[in-house]
C-alpha atoms as a PDB file:
ATOM      1  CA  MET A   1     133.776 120.339  87.645  1.00  0.00           C
ATOM      2  CA  ARG A   2     133.003 120.804  91.299  1.00  0.00           C
ATOM      3  CA  ARG A   3     131.864 117.825  93.322  1.00  0.00           C
ATOM      4  CA  GLY A   4     128.128 117.280  93.354  1.00  0.00           C
ATOM      5  CA  THR A   5     127.299 119.659  90.458  1.00  0.00           C
ATOM      6  CA  LYS A   6     124.898 118.826  87.652  1.00  0.00           C
ATOM      7  CA  LYS A   7     125.198 118.985  83.903  1.00  0.00           C
ATOM      8  CA  GLY A   8     122.693 117.852  81.300  1.00  0.00           C
ATOM      9  CA  GLY A   9     120.502 116.056  83.833  1.00  0.00           C
ATOM     10  CA  VAL A  10     123.394 113.884  85.033  1.00  0.00           C
ATOM     11  CA  THR A  11     124.775 114.324  88.536  1.00  0.00           C
ATOM     12  CA  LEU A  12     128.570 114.188  88.746  1.00  0.00           C
ATOM     13  CA  GLY A  13     130.838 114.013  91.773  1.00  0.00           C
ATOM     14  CA  ARG A  14     130.977 111.268  94.366  1.00  0.00           C
ATOM     15  CA  GLY A  15     127.958 109.664  92.779  1.00  0.00           C
ATOM     16  CA  VAL A  16     126.286 109.475  89.372  1.00  0.00           C
ATOM     17  CA  MET A  17     122.562 109.564  88.621  1.00  0.00           C
ATOM     18  CA  LEU A  18     121.729 107.569  85.480  1.00  0.00           C
ATOM     19  CA  GLY A  19     118.291 108.250  84.017  1.00  0.00           C
ATOM     20  CA  ARG A  20     115.539 107.476  86.518  1.00  0.00           C
ATOM     21  CA  ASP A  21     116.028 105.515  89.730  1.00  0.00           C
ATOM     22  CA  MET A  22     119.620 104.486  88.980  1.00  0.00           C
ATOM     23  CA  TRP A  23     122.459 105.448  91.285  1.00  0.00           C
ATOM     24  CA  VAL A  24     126.009 104.182  91.441  1.00  0.00           C
ATOM     25  CA  THR A  25     129.015 105.467  93.306  1.00  0.00           C
ATOM     26  CA  ARG A  26     131.877 107.144  91.526  1.00  0.00           C
ATOM     27  CA  ARG A  27     134.295 104.364  92.306  1.00  0.00           C
ATOM     28  CA  VAL A  28     132.060 101.923  90.410  1.00  0.00           C
ATOM     29  CA  ASN A  29     132.161 103.695  87.023  1.00  0.00           C
ATOM     30  CA  ARG A  30     130.718 106.803  85.389  1.00  0.00           C
ATOM     31  CA  TRP A  31     128.242 105.294  82.937  1.00  0.00           C
ATOM     32  CA  ARG A  32     127.098 108.696  81.729  1.00  0.00           C
ATOM     33  CA  ASP A  33     127.941 108.165  78.070  1.00  0.00           C
ATOM     34  CA  PRO A  34     129.570 105.112  76.459  1.00  0.00           C
ATOM     35  CA  THR A  35     131.732 107.391  74.323  1.00  0.00           C
ATOM     36  CA  LEU A  36     133.595 108.751  77.374  1.00  0.00           C
ATOM     37  CA  THR A  37     137.349 108.261  77.163  1.00  0.00           C
ATOM     38  CA  THR A  38     138.150 108.957  80.821  1.00  0.00           C
ATOM     39  CA  ALA A  39     140.347 106.592  82.821  1.00  0.00           C
ATOM     40  CA  PRO A  40     137.436 104.936  84.704  1.00  0.00           C
ATOM     41  CA  TRP A  41     135.798 104.111  81.384  1.00  0.00           C
ATOM     42  CA  ARG A  42     138.970 102.556  79.958  1.00  0.00           C
ATOM     43  CA  LYS A  43     139.355 100.492  83.124  1.00  0.00           C
ATOM     44  CA  ALA A  44     135.819  99.152  82.767  1.00  0.00           C
ATOM     45  CA  MET A  45     136.536  98.114  79.194  1.00  0.00           C
ATOM     46  CA  THR A  46     139.190  95.663  80.432  1.00  0.00           C
ATOM     47  CA  HIS A  47     136.485  93.495  82.054  1.00  0.00           C
ATOM     48  CA  ARG A  48     134.644  90.853  80.061  1.00  0.00           C
ATOM     49  CA  ALA A  49     131.178  89.444  80.665  1.00  0.00           C
ATOM     50  CA  SER A  50     131.127  85.906  81.981  1.00  0.00           C
ATOM     51  CA  PRO A  51     131.090  83.257  79.208  1.00  0.00           C
ATOM     52  CA  SER A  52     128.362  81.411  81.142  1.00  0.00           C
ATOM     53  CA  ILE A  53     125.933  84.271  80.498  1.00  0.00           C
ATOM     54  CA  ALA A  54     124.012  83.985  77.251  1.00  0.00           C
ATOM     55  CA  PRO A  55     125.045  86.662  74.709  1.00  0.00           C
ATOM     56  CA  VAL A  56     122.916  89.329  73.059  1.00  0.00           C
ATOM     57  CA  ALA A  57     122.440  88.858  69.301  1.00  0.00           C
ATOM     58  CA  THR A  58     122.409  92.128  67.364  1.00  0.00           C
ATOM     59  CA  MET A  59     121.740  93.519  63.916  1.00  0.00           C
ATOM     60  CA  LEU A  60     123.142  97.049  63.992  1.00  0.00           C
ATOM     61  CA  GLU A  61     124.683  99.725  61.844  1.00  0.00           C
ATOM     62  CA  PRO A  62     128.524  99.609  61.863  1.00  0.00           C
ATOM     63  CA  HIS A  63     128.805 102.846  63.857  1.00  0.00           C
ATOM     64  CA  GLU A  64     126.393 101.544  66.521  1.00  0.00           C
ATOM     65  CA  ARG A  65     128.304  98.344  67.306  1.00  0.00           C
ATOM     66  CA  PRO A  66     131.239  99.795  69.278  1.00  0.00           C
ATOM     67  CA  ARG A  67     128.905 101.961  71.376  1.00  0.00           C
ATOM     68  CA  VAL A  68     126.654  99.000  72.198  1.00  0.00           C
ATOM     69  CA  ASP A  69     129.722  96.944  73.126  1.00  0.00           C
ATOM     70  CA  ALA A  70     131.008  99.801  75.274  1.00  0.00           C
ATOM     71  CA  ALA A  71     127.667 100.213  77.054  1.00  0.00           C
ATOM     72  CA  GLY A  72     127.708  96.548  78.061  1.00  0.00           C
ATOM     73  CA  ALA A  73     131.352  96.335  79.144  1.00  0.00           C
ATOM     74  CA  GLY A  74     131.620  93.790  81.955  1.00  0.00           C
ATOM     75  CA  LEU A  75     127.869  93.075  82.009  1.00  0.00           C
ATOM     76  CA  TYR A  76     126.805  91.445  78.734  1.00  0.00           C
ATOM     77  CA  ARG A  77     128.494  90.314  75.533  1.00  0.00           C
ATOM     78  CA  THR A  78     127.263  90.662  71.976  1.00  0.00           C
ATOM     79  CA  ILE A  79     127.216  88.643  68.760  1.00  0.00           C
ATOM     80  CA  HIS A  80     126.923  91.015  65.790  1.00  0.00           C
ATOM     81  CA  ARG A  81     125.126  89.720  62.713  1.00  0.00           C
ATOM     82  CA  GLU A  82     124.407  91.159  59.274  1.00  0.00           C
ATOM     83  CA  ARG A  83     121.055  89.552  58.500  1.00  0.00           C
ATOM     84  CA  VAL A  84     117.940  88.356  60.321  1.00  0.00           C
ATOM     85  CA  ASP A  85     118.524  84.805  59.075  1.00  0.00           C
ATOM     86  CA  GLU A  86     121.846  84.697  60.923  1.00  0.00           C
ATOM     87  CA  ILE A  87     120.150  85.776  64.168  1.00  0.00           C
ATOM     88  CA  VAL A  88     117.485  83.091  63.709  1.00  0.00           C
ATOM     89  CA  ARG A  89     120.223  80.498  63.318  1.00  0.00           C
ATOM     90  CA  ASP A  90     121.824  81.707  66.557  1.00  0.00           C
ATOM     91  CA  LEU A  91     118.482  81.462  68.356  1.00  0.00           C
ATOM     92  CA  ARG A  92     118.129  77.862  67.223  1.00  0.00           C
ATOM     93  CA  GLU A  93     121.682  76.708  67.858  1.00  0.00           C
ATOM     94  CA  ARG A  94     122.760  78.504  71.060  1.00  0.00           C
ATOM     95  CA  ARG A  95     121.481  80.247  74.173  1.00  0.00           C
ATOM     96  CA  VAL A  96     120.702  83.923  73.471  1.00  0.00           C
ATOM     97  CA  SER A  97     119.469  86.277  76.168  1.00  0.00           C
ATOM     98  CA  ALA A  98     118.025  89.014  73.920  1.00  0.00           C
ATOM     99  CA  VAL A  99     117.946  90.369  70.375  1.00  0.00           C
ATOM    100  CA  LEU A 100     118.893  93.994  69.672  1.00  0.00           C
ATOM    101  CA  LEU A 101     117.755  95.496  66.362  1.00  0.00           C
ATOM    102  CA  SER A 102     118.746  98.870  64.947  1.00  0.00           C
ATOM    103  CA  VAL A 103     115.795 100.978  63.852  1.00  0.00           C
ATOM    104  CA  ALA A 104     117.921 102.406  61.034  1.00  0.00           C
ATOM    105  CA  ARG A 105     119.040  98.948  59.916  1.00  0.00           C
ATOM    106  CA  CYS A 106     115.606  97.356  59.953  1.00  0.00           C
ATOM    107  CA  VAL A 107     114.388  99.919  57.425  1.00  0.00           C
ATOM    108  CA  HIS A 108     116.440  98.025  54.847  1.00  0.00           C
ATOM    109  CA  GLU A 109     115.428  94.536  55.989  1.00  0.00           C
ATOM    110  CA  GLU A 110     112.340  92.552  55.086  1.00  0.00           C
ATOM    111  CA  PRO A 111     109.845  93.279  57.926  1.00  0.00           C
ATOM    112  CA  ALA A 112     108.223  89.888  57.418  1.00  0.00           C
ATOM    113  CA  ARG A 113     111.472  88.176  58.484  1.00  0.00           C
ATOM    114  CA  VAL A 114     111.673  90.218  61.665  1.00  0.00           C
ATOM    115  CA  GLU A 115     108.027  89.462  62.430  1.00  0.00           C
ATOM    116  CA  ALA A 116     108.571  85.730  61.862  1.00  0.00           C
ATOM    117  CA  MET A 117     111.600  85.752  64.176  1.00  0.00           C
ATOM    118  CA  VAL A 118     109.707  87.487  66.992  1.00  0.00           C
ATOM    119  CA  ARG A 119     106.736  85.152  66.580  1.00  0.00           C
ATOM    120  CA  GLU A 120     108.907  82.011  66.495  1.00  0.00           C
ATOM    121  CA  PHE A 121     110.885  82.956  69.618  1.00  0.00           C
ATOM    122  CA  PRO A 122     108.435  84.835  71.871  1.00  0.00           C
ATOM    123  CA  ARG A 123     110.409  84.115  75.058  1.00  0.00           C
ATOM    124  CA  ILE A 124     113.535  85.882  73.762  1.00  0.00           C
ATOM    125  CA  PRO A 125     113.101  89.666  74.241  1.00  0.00           C
ATOM    126  CA  ALA A 126     113.509  91.758  71.087  1.00  0.00           C
ATOM    127  CA  VAL A 127     114.660  95.352  71.642  1.00  0.00           C
ATOM    128  CA  ALA A 128     114.793  98.186  69.099  1.00  0.00           C
ATOM    129  CA  LEU A 129     117.650 100.709  69.256  1.00  0.00           C
ATOM    130  CA  LEU A 130     117.131 104.265  68.009  1.00  0.00           C
ATOM    131  CA  SER A 131     120.397 106.195  67.768  1.00  0.00           C
ATOM    132  CA  SER A 132     120.127 108.511  64.746  1.00  0.00           C
ATOM    133  CA  HIS A 133     118.150 111.693  64.059  1.00  0.00           C
ATOM    134  CA  THR A 134     116.299 111.060  60.810  1.00  0.00           C
ATOM    135  CA  GLY A 135     112.871 112.477  61.630  1.00  0.00           C
ATOM    136  CA  GLN A 136     109.981 111.024  59.674  1.00  0.00           C
ATOM    137  CA  ARG A 137     112.002 108.023  58.584  1.00  0.00           C
ATOM    138  CA  ASN A 138     112.550 107.047  62.211  1.00  0.00           C
ATOM    139  CA  ALA A 139     108.855 107.332  62.966  1.00  0.00           C
ATOM    140  CA  GLU A 140     107.942 105.057  60.080  1.00  0.00           C
ATOM    141  CA  ALA A 141     110.587 102.495  61.045  1.00  0.00           C
ATOM    142  CA  ILE A 142     109.407 102.434  64.671  1.00  0.00           C
ATOM    143  CA  LEU A 143     105.845 101.796  63.535  1.00  0.00           C
ATOM    144  CA  VAL A 144     107.046  98.951  61.320  1.00  0.00           C
ATOM    145  CA  MET A 145     108.960  97.355  64.182  1.00  0.00           C
ATOM    146  CA  GLY A 146     105.956  97.684  66.461  1.00  0.00           C
ATOM    147  CA  ASN A 147     103.839  95.906  63.862  1.00  0.00           C
ATOM    148  CA  CYS A 148     106.478  93.163  63.759  1.00  0.00           C
ATOM    149  CA  GLY A 149     105.981  92.507  67.468  1.00  0.00           C
ATOM    150  CA  VAL A 150     108.988  94.387  68.893  1.00  0.00           C
ATOM    151  CA  ARG A 151     107.685  95.880  72.133  1.00  0.00           C
ATOM    152  CA  SER A 152     110.788  97.497  73.690  1.00  0.00           C
ATOM    153  CA  LEU A 153     112.488 100.621  72.340  1.00  0.00           C
ATOM    154  CA  VAL A 154     115.631 102.317  73.673  1.00  0.00           C
ATOM    155  CA  ASP A 155     116.165 105.918  72.556  1.00  0.00           C
ATOM    156  CA  ALA A 156     119.956 106.349  72.542  1.00  0.00           C
ATOM    157  CA  ARG A 157     119.966 109.770  70.898  1.00  0.00           C
ATOM    158  CA  GLU A 158     120.632 111.173  74.385  1.00  0.00           C
ATOM    159  CA  PRO A 159     123.341 109.923  76.801  1.00  0.00           C
ATOM    160  CA  ALA A 160     120.776 108.581  79.277  1.00  0.00           C
ATOM    161  CA  GLY A 161     119.566 106.162  76.613  1.00  0.00           C
ATOM    162  CA  TRP A 162     122.844 104.224  76.725  1.00  0.00           C
ATOM    163  CA  ALA A 163     122.477 103.767  80.467  1.00  0.00           C
ATOM    164  CA  GLN A 164     118.951 102.473  79.863  1.00  0.00           C
ATOM    165  CA  LEU A 165     120.275 100.062  77.237  1.00  0.00           C
ATOM    166  CA  ARG A 166     122.932  98.773  79.627  1.00  0.00           C
ATOM    167  CA  ALA A 167     120.372  98.196  82.381  1.00  0.00           C
ATOM    168  CA  LEU A 168     117.851  96.518  80.066  1.00  0.00           C
ATOM    169  CA  LEU A 169     120.232  94.149  78.281  1.00  0.00           C
ATOM    170  CA  GLY A 170     122.163  93.453  81.469  1.00  0.00           C
ATOM    171  CA  ALA A 171     118.966  92.355  83.191  1.00  0.00           C
ATOM    172  CA  GLU A 172     118.010  90.079  80.284  1.00  0.00           C
ATOM    173  CA  ALA A 173     121.518  88.604  80.118  1.00  0.00           C
ATOM    174  CA  SER A 174     121.298  87.566  83.772  1.00  0.00           C
ATOM    175  CA  ARG A 175     117.799  86.111  83.473  1.00  0.00           C
ATOM    176  CA  ASP A 176     119.003  83.037  81.615  1.00  0.00           C
ATOM    177  CA  VAL A 177     119.712  81.495  85.015  1.00  0.00           C
ATOM    178  CA  ASP A 178     116.020  82.000  85.880  1.00  0.00           C
ATOM    179  CA  ARG A 179     114.972  80.004  82.829  1.00  0.00           C
ATOM    180  CA  THR A 180     117.557  77.292  83.538  1.00  0.00           C
ATOM    181  CA  THR A 181     116.480  76.959  87.162  1.00  0.00           C
ATOM    182  CA  LEU A 182     112.811  76.740  86.201  1.00  0.00           C
ATOM    183  CA  ALA A 183     113.569  73.946  83.742  1.00  0.00           C
ATOM    184  CA  ILE A 184     115.318  71.950  86.495  1.00  0.00           C
ATOM    185  CA  LEU A 185     112.522  72.633  88.991  1.00  0.00           C
ATOM    186  CA  ARG A 186     109.968  71.469  86.444  1.00  0.00           C
ATOM    187  CA  GLU A 187     111.504  67.994  86.672  1.00  0.00           C
ATOM    188  CA  ASP A 188     111.653  68.084  90.477  1.00  0.00           C
ATOM    189  CA  LEU A 189     108.079  69.309  90.871  1.00  0.00           C
ATOM    190  CA  VAL A 190     106.344  67.290  88.187  1.00  0.00           C
ATOM    191  CA  ALA A 191     103.768  65.982  90.723  1.00  0.00           C
ATOM    192  CA  VAL A 192     102.779  69.310  92.318  1.00  0.00           C
ATOM    193  CA  SER A 193      99.470  71.083  91.684  1.00  0.00           C
ATOM    194  CA  SER A 194      99.134  73.712  88.985  1.00  0.00           C
ATOM    195  CA  ASP A 195      98.807  76.579  91.457  1.00  0.00           C
ATOM    196  CA  CYS A 196     101.888  75.419  93.383  1.00  0.00           C
ATOM    197  CA  TRP A 197     103.805  75.489  90.110  1.00  0.00           C
ATOM    198  CA  ARG A 198     102.459  78.969  89.427  1.00  0.00           C
ATOM    199  CA  PHE A 199     104.109  80.090  92.658  1.00  0.00           C
ATOM    200  CA  PHE A 200     107.518  78.877  91.469  1.00  0.00           C
ATOM    201  CA  GLU A 201     106.980  80.377  88.020  1.00  0.00           C
ATOM    202  CA  ALA A 202     106.158  83.723  89.591  1.00  0.00           C
ATOM    203  CA  LEU A 203     109.378  83.609  91.624  1.00  0.00           C
ATOM    204  CA  PHE A 204     111.547  83.419  88.522  1.00  0.00           C
ATOM    205  CA  GLU A 205     109.453  85.229  85.927  1.00  0.00           C
ATOM    206  CA  ALA A 206     108.431  88.316  87.890  1.00  0.00           C
ATOM    207  CA  GLY A 207     111.859  89.928  87.540  1.00  0.00           C
ATOM    208  CA  ALA A 208     114.121  91.835  89.892  1.00  0.00           C
ATOM    209  CA  GLN A 209     111.438  94.459  90.601  1.00  0.00           C
ATOM    210  CA  VAL A 210     109.497  91.945  92.729  1.00  0.00           C
ATOM    211  CA  SER A 211     111.397  91.991  95.996  1.00  0.00           C
ATOM    212  CA  THR A 212     108.697  91.566  98.677  1.00  0.00           C
ATOM    213  CA  VAL A 213     106.046  88.978  99.477  1.00  0.00           C
ATOM    214  CA  ARG A 214     103.405  91.685  99.053  1.00  0.00           C
ATOM    215  CA  GLN A 215     104.515  92.281  95.451  1.00  0.00           C
ATOM    216  CA  LEU A 216     104.747  88.545  94.761  1.00  0.00           C
ATOM    217  CA  SER A 217     101.281  87.967  96.183  1.00  0.00           C
ATOM    218  CA  ALA A 218      99.854  90.744  94.023  1.00  0.00           C
ATOM    219  CA  SER A 219     101.274  89.077  90.904  1.00  0.00           C
ATOM    220  CA  LEU A 220      99.588  85.816  91.965  1.00  0.00           C
ATOM    221  CA  GLY A 221      96.258  87.398  92.900  1.00  0.00           C
ATOM    222  CA  VAL A 222      96.296  86.250  96.540  1.00  0.00           C
ATOM    223  CA  LEU A 223      96.538  88.078  99.865  1.00  0.00           C
ATOM    224  CA  PRO A 224     100.017  88.076 101.451  1.00  0.00           C
ATOM    225  CA  SER A 225      98.613  86.785 104.750  1.00  0.00           C
ATOM    226  CA  THR A 226      96.851  83.932 102.934  1.00  0.00           C
ATOM    227  CA  LEU A 227      99.974  82.913 101.072  1.00  0.00           C
ATOM    228  CA  MET A 228     102.139  82.948 104.198  1.00  0.00           C
ATOM    229  CA  SER A 229      99.631  81.063 106.342  1.00  0.00           C
ATOM    230  CA  ARG A 230      99.278  78.239 103.809  1.00  0.00           C
ATOM    231  CA  PHE A 231     103.029  77.731 103.696  1.00  0.00           C
ATOM    232  CA  PHE A 232     103.116  77.797 107.491  1.00  0.00           C
ATOM    233  CA  ARG A 233     100.315  75.221 107.838  1.00  0.00           C
ATOM    234  CA  ALA A 234     102.068  72.965 105.326  1.00  0.00           C
ATOM    235  CA  ARG A 235     105.257  73.219 107.451  1.00  0.00           C
ATOM    236  CA  LEU A 236     107.227  74.707 104.567  1.00  0.00           C
ATOM    237  CA  PRO A 237     109.764  77.533 104.563  1.00  0.00           C
ATOM    238  CA  ALA A 238     108.136  80.950 104.330  1.00  0.00           C
ATOM    239  CA  PRO A 239     107.490  82.458 100.877  1.00  0.00           C
ATOM    240  CA  LYS A 240     109.863  85.256 101.887  1.00  0.00           C
ATOM    241  CA  ARG A 241     112.711  82.748 102.063  1.00  0.00           C
ATOM    242  CA  TYR A 242     111.948  81.342  98.604  1.00  0.00           C
ATOM    243  CA  LEU A 243     111.930  84.866  97.219  1.00  0.00           C
ATOM    244  CA  ALA A 244     115.165  85.778  98.994  1.00  0.00           C
ATOM    245  CA  TYR A 245     116.980  82.748  97.568  1.00  0.00           C
ATOM    246  CA  THR A 246     115.693  83.599  94.093  1.00  0.00           C
ATOM    247  CA  ARG A 247     117.243  87.063  94.332  1.00  0.00           C
ATOM    248  CA  LEU A 248     120.542  85.531  95.442  1.00  0.00           C
ATOM    249  CA  ILE A 249     120.562  83.260  92.375  1.00  0.00           C
ATOM    250  CA  ARG A 250     120.387  86.368  90.190  1.00  0.00           C
ATOM    251  CA  ALA A 251     123.038  88.092  92.276  1.00  0.00           C
ATOM    252  CA  ALA A 252     125.386  85.124  91.928  1.00  0.00           C
ATOM    253  CA  ARG A 253     124.936  85.163  88.154  1.00  0.00           C
ATOM    254  CA  LEU A 254     125.693  88.882  87.983  1.00  0.00           C
ATOM    255  CA  PHE A 255     128.791  88.411  90.141  1.00  0.00           C
ATOM    256  CA  GLU A 256     130.196  86.133  87.452  1.00  0.00           C
ATOM    257  CA  ASN A 257     130.921  89.384  85.602  1.00  0.00           C
ATOM    258  CA  THR A 258     134.223  90.541  87.059  1.00  0.00           C
ATOM    259  CA  GLY A 259     133.514  94.113  85.998  1.00  0.00           C
ATOM    260  CA  LEU A 260     130.570  94.440  88.392  1.00  0.00           C
ATOM    261  CA  SER A 261     131.041  95.601  91.968  1.00  0.00           C
ATOM    262  CA  VAL A 262     128.767  94.869  94.921  1.00  0.00           C
ATOM    263  CA  ALA A 263     127.208  98.300  94.388  1.00  0.00           C
ATOM    264  CA  ASP A 264     126.462  97.431  90.733  1.00  0.00           C
ATOM    265  CA  VAL A 265     124.747  94.182  91.649  1.00  0.00           C
ATOM    266  CA  ALA A 266     122.770  95.784  94.467  1.00  0.00           C
ATOM    267  CA  ASN A 267     121.611  98.459  92.039  1.00  0.00           C
ATOM    268  CA  HIS A 268     120.580  95.978  89.337  1.00  0.00           C
ATOM    269  CA  LEU A 269     118.529  93.940  91.811  1.00  0.00           C
ATOM    270  CA  ASP A 270     116.807  96.965  93.361  1.00  0.00           C
ATOM    271  CA  TYR A 271     118.354  96.735  96.816  1.00  0.00           C
ATOM    272  CA  SER A 272     118.258 100.059  98.619  1.00  0.00           C
ATOM    273  CA  SER A 273     122.052 100.084  99.055  1.00  0.00           C
ATOM    274  CA  PRO A 274     125.115  97.813  98.917  1.00  0.00           C
ATOM    275  CA  GLN A 275     124.911  97.617 102.704  1.00  0.00           C
ATOM    276  CA  SER A 276     121.328  96.333 102.453  1.00  0.00           C
ATOM    277  CA  PHE A 277     122.466  93.647 100.026  1.00  0.00           C
ATOM    278  CA  GLY A 278     125.301  92.682 102.370  1.00  0.00           C
ATOM    279  CA  ARG A 279     122.889  92.306 105.304  1.00  0.00           C
ATOM    280  CA  HIS A 280     120.613  90.202 103.117  1.00  0.00           C
ATOM    281  CA  VAL A 281     123.443  87.775 102.275  1.00  0.00           C
ATOM    282  CA  ARG A 282     124.695  87.590 105.846  1.00  0.00           C
ATOM    283  CA  THR A 283     121.215  86.884 107.230  1.00  0.00           C
ATOM    284  CA  LEU A 284     120.517  84.033 104.793  1.00  0.00           C
ATOM    285  CA  LEU A 285     123.910  82.419 104.259  1.00  0.00           C
ATOM    286  CA  HIS A 286     126.092  83.817 107.072  1.00  0.00           C
ATOM    287  CA  LEU A 287     128.569  85.133 104.510  1.00  0.00           C
ATOM    288  CA  THR A 288     129.831  88.553 103.572  1.00  0.00           C
ATOM    289  CA  ALA A 289     129.065  89.817 100.086  1.00  0.00           C
ATOM    290  CA  SER A 290     132.677  89.179  99.048  1.00  0.00           C
ATOM    291  CA  GLU A 291     132.610  85.631 100.421  1.00  0.00           C
ATOM    292  CA  PHE A 292     129.311  85.008  98.633  1.00  0.00           C
ATOM    293  CA  ARG A 293     130.831  86.237  95.369  1.00  0.00           C
ATOM    294  CA  ALA A 294     133.854  83.959  95.728  1.00  0.00           C
ATOM    295  CA  ARG A 295     131.830  80.868  96.684  1.00  0.00           C
ATOM    296  CA  TYR A 296     128.775  80.867  94.414  1.00  0.00           C
ATOM    297  CA  THR A 297     127.953  81.081  90.729  1.00  0.00           C
ATOM    298  CA  GLY A 298     124.438  81.302  89.359  1.00  0.00           C
ATOM    299  CA  ASP A 299     124.343  77.531  88.811  1.00  0.00           C
ATOM    300  CA  THR A 300     125.700  76.585  92.236  1.00  0.00           C
ATOM    301  CA  MET A 301     123.317  78.994  93.971  1.00  0.00           C
ATOM    302  CA  SER A 302     120.492  77.411  91.981  1.00  0.00           C
ATOM    303  CA  GLU A 303     121.569  74.037  93.363  1.00  0.00           C
ATOM    304  CA  ARG A 304     121.596  75.537  96.857  1.00  0.00           C
ATOM    305  CA  PHE A 305     117.994  76.686  96.278  1.00  0.00           C
ATOM    306  CA  ARG A 306     116.969  73.127  95.395  1.00  0.00           C
ATOM    307  CA  ALA A 307     118.909  71.547  98.251  1.00  0.00           C
ATOM    308  CA  ASP A 308     117.543  73.897 100.921  1.00  0.00           C
ATOM    309  CA  LEU A 309     114.003  74.671  99.782  1.00  0.00           C
ATOM    310  CA  VAL A 310     112.759  72.029  97.338  1.00  0.00           C
ATOM    311  CA  LEU A 311     114.215  68.530  97.641  1.00  0.00           C
ATOM    312  CA  PRO A 312     113.671  68.134 101.434  1.00  0.00           C
ATOM    313  CA  TYR A 313     110.012  69.196 101.069  1.00  0.00           C
ATOM    314  CA  LEU A 314     108.850  67.367  97.923  1.00  0.00           C
ATOM    315  CA  GLU A 315     106.018  65.459  99.634  1.00  0.00           C
ATOM    316  CA  ARG A 316     104.672  68.574 101.343  1.00  0.00           C
ATOM    317  CA  LEU A 317     104.888  70.618  98.148  1.00  0.00           C
ATOM    318  CA  GLN A 318     102.804  67.977  96.357  1.00  0.00           C
ATOM    319  CA  THR A 319      99.903  68.664  98.736  1.00  0.00           C
ATOM    320  CA  LEU A 320     100.312  72.449  98.802  1.00  0.00           C
ATOM    321  CA  ARG A 321      97.533  74.592  97.309  1.00  0.00           C
ATOM    322  CA  PRO A 322      98.859  78.124  97.884  1.00  0.00           C
ATOM    323  CA  LEU A 323      96.423  79.875  95.543  1.00  0.00           C
ATOM    324  CA  ALA A 324      93.289  77.829  96.137  1.00  0.00           C
ATOM    325  CA  VAL A 325      90.076  79.804  96.656  1.00  0.00           C
ATOM    326  CA  ARG A 326      88.168  78.952  99.814  1.00  0.00           C
ATOM    327  CA  ALA A 327      84.461  78.864  98.945  1.00  0.00           C
ATOM    328  CA  THR A 328      81.786  78.715 101.682  1.00  0.00           C
ATOM    329  CA  VAL A 329      78.907  76.319 101.110  1.00  0.00           C
ATOM    330  CA  ARG A 330      75.660  78.306 101.638  1.00  0.00           C
ATOM    331  CA  GLY A 331      73.498  77.155 104.537  1.00  0.00           C
ATOM    332  CA  VAL A 332      75.972  74.629 105.872  1.00  0.00           C
ATOM    333  CA  GLY A 333      78.437  76.816 107.718  1.00  0.00           C
ATOM    334  CA  ALA A 334      81.355  74.777 106.416  1.00  0.00           C
ATOM    335  CA  SER A 335      83.807  75.590 103.730  1.00  0.00           C
ATOM    336  CA  ARG A 336      85.777  73.732 101.137  1.00  0.00           C
ATOM    337  CA  VAL A 337      88.841  74.649  99.142  1.00  0.00           C
ATOM    338  CA  MET A 338      88.381  75.095  95.422  1.00  0.00           C
ATOM    339  CA  PRO A 339      91.462  74.695  93.214  1.00  0.00           C
ATOM    340  CA  ALA A 340      92.698  77.868  91.611  1.00  0.00           C
ATOM    341  CA  ALA A 341      92.148  78.338  87.921  1.00  0.00           C
ATOM    342  CA  ALA A 342      95.155  77.243  85.908  1.00  0.00           C
END
């Protein structure tokens, strides 16, 4: 096929368009369809996801398992189970980043067990996978899973669905470092105000889509100028720096997967280009992207976050009220700061 031509909604050539808003270069890998048997695909299959990244627990049909494994080559790893009870045991005994359930398989399972699992572990994302064409039966099964509390569905009946699955599960697999970092920060910041803690929660819970202070401020319900000025008056690093370090923690975790290139990581974290990601790293840490990859893991970058932005400023953070509402007292001409609602 000629360079730059299109087929079936997928652009081939020097670059590949995957679904919506996903672009990778040809030298990365052609994730058009996990069933491809081309040389680039076989090369990708030689890479394994980092053992430090929490696996994805699945309950799938036998024919779905190899395709799910192929879609996540080098990005996430899976633990295949036969019954819901086995997945629940995994959730209790080990770190799991997400649960993937086959729509076809769940038709034969007791819906009450799936519902109990989702209710018992609300922080672990549950994703439904639709890969077969069975008409009315599919519709009924999807409704059942929705009633059980499963809120995410990936339609893999078309090739673009596998790319969506890879992006979704890959993002969840890398977010375990967010949860780990928050747990450590909770101990460091036990004496801070509730709205200061909300700021740190927003940093790690907003996801990779939040990449600017304007977006972060919107999620917190405060004006960007207000947020920045309060950090400045408290003589703290700017919110932009906290956000930038948070993104580098996620990047370091993704780099633990040897199958991911700089372009892959830049794409997953919504940087405009690999060059933009490289400039970001050089500005903050004075390292190239390759040097950053060799030096940091998700855990060590999390420690760098604490050492640079938290531990030296503990006393100032304890007095910070970044989301407090300033209420004017009528008739007095003065104002006082009201604490933000928890």
